[in-house]
Amino acid sequence: MDNPLSDEVRQRLRGVTESLLSDSSLRDELTDDQGQQLLDWGLAMLQNVAVATEQLPEEGALVILDQKLTAVRLIMQSVNQLSTHPGLLPDEDLINARLVRLGKNLQWLIGGSSDRERVRRIRHFKQQRNDSSPETAFQLLLEILYSDEYV
């Protein structure tokens, strides 16, 4: 059974989660179900950060949470953009830049010494994107987000 969140962690989370919940541009190109899945991922990531910083002084914890919120927002924007028209974006450089940004933000957010599985899944997305529907593209991108054991 999971330990309940302390009042301090809940309070810290309140500000960052409200910011995420109120920004529909992070998921405006997705279906409601996809948007909820992406939002759930982002909220889980922020909760993990809040719990990990529970013992830090308030100011230090909020700085870290704010930095991680920025990464979560950038990742969500990338997924939103890359899911929309996976095979209709002819500019390969733009796709590559967005995928690199996605990978780097995930690495910074999650950390860890090995990102081989994430890189493998990013390559798989690149290979499949021209033949993918927006739903398939979204699922492939979600697999990238969940390629780490952190969530």
Protein backbone atom coordinates (compact mmCIF):
# COMPACT_ATOMS: atom_id res chain seq x y z
CA MET A 1 0.00 0.00 0.00
CA ASP A 2 1.33 3.45 -0.89
CA ASN A 3 2.07 5.86 1.90
CA PRO A 4 -0.26 8.83 1.89
CA LEU A 5 1.27 12.15 0.95
CA SER A 6 2.17 14.47 3.78
CA ASP A 7 0.41 17.81 4.07
CA GLU A 8 3.67 19.52 3.12
CA VAL A 9 4.02 17.50 -0.10
CA ARG A 10 0.37 18.07 -0.99
CA GLN A 11 0.78 21.81 -0.48
CA ARG A 12 3.90 21.91 -2.66
CA LEU A 13 2.16 19.92 -5.36
CA ARG A 14 -0.93 22.11 -5.38
CA GLY A 15 0.75 25.04 -7.12
CA VAL A 16 2.54 23.06 -9.79
CA THR A 17 -0.36 20.78 -10.56
CA GLU A 18 -2.78 23.69 -10.93
CA SER A 19 -0.43 25.18 -13.48
CA LEU A 20 -0.37 21.92 -15.43
CA LEU A 21 -4.12 21.33 -15.21
CA SER A 22 -4.99 24.82 -16.40
CA ASP A 23 -2.77 24.80 -19.50
CA SER A 24 -4.82 23.12 -22.21
CA SER A 25 -2.17 23.96 -24.84
CA LEU A 26 -0.13 21.03 -23.49
CA ARG A 27 -2.72 18.61 -24.84
CA ASP A 28 -4.95 20.59 -27.21
CA GLU A 29 -4.16 18.44 -30.25
CA LEU A 30 -4.94 15.19 -28.42
CA THR A 31 -8.19 13.40 -27.79
CA ASP A 32 -9.64 13.76 -24.30
CA ASP A 33 -8.45 10.27 -23.39
CA GLN A 34 -4.94 10.92 -24.70
CA GLY A 35 -4.81 14.29 -22.96
CA GLN A 36 -5.80 12.63 -19.69
CA GLN A 37 -3.14 9.93 -20.08
CA LEU A 38 -0.49 12.55 -20.74
CA LEU A 39 -1.71 14.67 -17.85
CA ASP A 40 -1.67 11.63 -15.54
CA TRP A 41 1.95 10.97 -16.54
CA GLY A 42 2.92 14.59 -15.84
CA LEU A 43 1.17 14.65 -12.48
CA ALA A 44 2.81 11.37 -11.46
CA MET A 45 6.23 12.75 -12.37
CA LEU A 46 5.67 15.87 -10.30
CA GLN A 47 4.38 13.84 -7.37
CA ASN A 48 7.55 11.72 -7.48
CA VAL A 49 9.65 14.89 -7.39
CA ALA A 50 7.62 16.36 -4.53
CA VAL A 51 8.01 13.20 -2.48
CA ALA A 52 11.76 13.05 -3.23
CA THR A 53 12.19 16.65 -2.04
CA GLU A 54 10.01 16.31 1.07
CA GLN A 55 12.95 16.63 3.47
CA LEU A 56 14.37 19.72 1.78
CA PRO A 57 13.65 23.22 3.03
CA GLU A 58 10.59 24.77 1.38
CA GLU A 59 12.52 27.19 -0.83
CA GLY A 60 14.90 24.52 -2.17
CA ALA A 61 12.09 22.06 -2.81
CA LEU A 62 10.04 24.66 -4.68
CA VAL A 63 12.99 25.57 -6.89
CA ILE A 64 13.45 21.92 -7.83
CA LEU A 65 9.72 21.41 -8.39
CA ASP A 66 9.58 24.48 -10.61
CA GLN A 67 12.51 23.22 -12.69
CA LYS A 68 10.96 19.78 -13.04
CA LEU A 69 7.60 21.37 -13.92
CA THR A 70 9.33 23.15 -16.81
CA ALA A 71 10.70 19.82 -18.06
CA VAL A 72 7.30 18.12 -17.73
CA ARG A 73 5.65 20.95 -19.67
CA LEU A 74 8.24 20.75 -22.46
CA ILE A 75 7.84 16.98 -22.68
CA MET A 76 4.05 17.28 -22.82
CA GLN A 77 4.32 19.92 -25.55
CA SER A 78 6.59 17.64 -27.55
CA VAL A 79 4.19 14.70 -27.27
CA ASN A 80 1.27 16.95 -28.19
CA GLN A 81 3.09 18.22 -31.30
CA LEU A 82 4.57 14.89 -32.42
CA SER A 83 1.29 12.97 -32.01
CA THR A 84 -0.83 15.23 -34.12
CA HIS A 85 0.35 14.53 -37.67
CA PRO A 86 3.14 11.98 -37.37
CA GLY A 87 3.43 11.21 -41.05
CA LEU A 88 2.52 14.63 -42.36
CA LEU A 89 5.52 16.58 -41.15
CA PRO A 90 7.93 16.53 -44.09
CA ASP A 91 10.65 18.46 -42.26
CA GLU A 92 12.78 15.63 -40.89
CA ASP A 93 15.04 18.13 -39.11
CA LEU A 94 12.05 19.46 -37.17
CA ILE A 95 10.99 15.95 -36.17
CA ASN A 96 14.54 15.08 -35.14
CA ALA A 97 14.91 18.30 -33.15
CA ARG A 98 11.64 17.62 -31.30
CA LEU A 99 12.64 14.03 -30.57
CA VAL A 100 16.09 15.08 -29.35
CA ARG A 101 14.47 17.70 -27.12
CA LEU A 102 12.02 15.09 -25.83
CA GLY A 103 14.85 12.67 -25.03
CA LYS A 104 17.02 15.31 -23.35
CA ASN A 105 14.16 16.62 -21.23
CA LEU A 106 13.26 13.10 -20.15
CA GLN A 107 16.88 12.37 -19.28
CA TRP A 108 17.11 15.55 -17.23
CA LEU A 109 13.74 14.97 -15.55
CA ILE A 110 14.22 11.32 -14.71
CA GLY A 111 17.98 10.99 -14.56
CA GLY A 112 19.37 7.53 -14.31
CA SER A 113 22.51 6.15 -15.78
CA SER A 114 21.02 4.22 -18.69
CA ASP A 115 18.67 5.59 -21.28
CA ARG A 116 19.13 2.78 -23.82
CA GLU A 117 15.50 1.71 -23.70
CA ARG A 118 14.33 5.30 -24.17
CA VAL A 119 16.67 5.77 -27.16
CA ARG A 120 15.48 2.48 -28.65
CA ARG A 121 11.86 3.58 -28.35
CA ILE A 122 12.62 7.00 -29.87
CA ARG A 123 14.24 5.26 -32.84
CA HIS A 124 11.21 2.98 -33.14
CA PHE A 125 8.93 6.04 -33.20
CA LYS A 126 11.04 7.61 -35.96
CA GLN A 127 10.84 4.43 -38.05
CA GLN A 128 7.09 4.06 -37.57
CA ARG A 129 5.93 7.68 -37.74
CA ASN A 130 5.25 7.83 -41.48
CA ASP A 131 2.92 4.84 -41.27
CA SER A 132 1.33 5.82 -37.96
CA SER A 133 -2.05 7.25 -37.21
CA PRO A 134 -2.14 9.96 -34.54
CA GLU A 135 -3.39 7.33 -32.05
CA THR A 136 -0.51 4.95 -32.82
CA ALA A 137 1.99 7.81 -32.71
CA PHE A 138 0.66 8.85 -29.32
CA GLN A 139 0.95 5.30 -27.97
CA LEU A 140 4.53 5.05 -29.23
CA LEU A 141 5.37 8.36 -27.56
CA LEU A 142 3.70 7.23 -24.34
CA GLU A 143 5.93 4.15 -24.42
CA ILE A 144 8.93 6.51 -24.57
CA LEU A 145 7.66 8.35 -21.50
CA TYR A 146 7.17 5.11 -19.60
CA SER A 147 10.42 3.50 -20.75
CA ASP A 148 11.94 4.30 -17.37
CA GLU A 149 10.88 2.61 -14.18
CA TYR A 150 10.50 5.98 -12.46
CA VAL A 151 6.74 6.31 -12.93
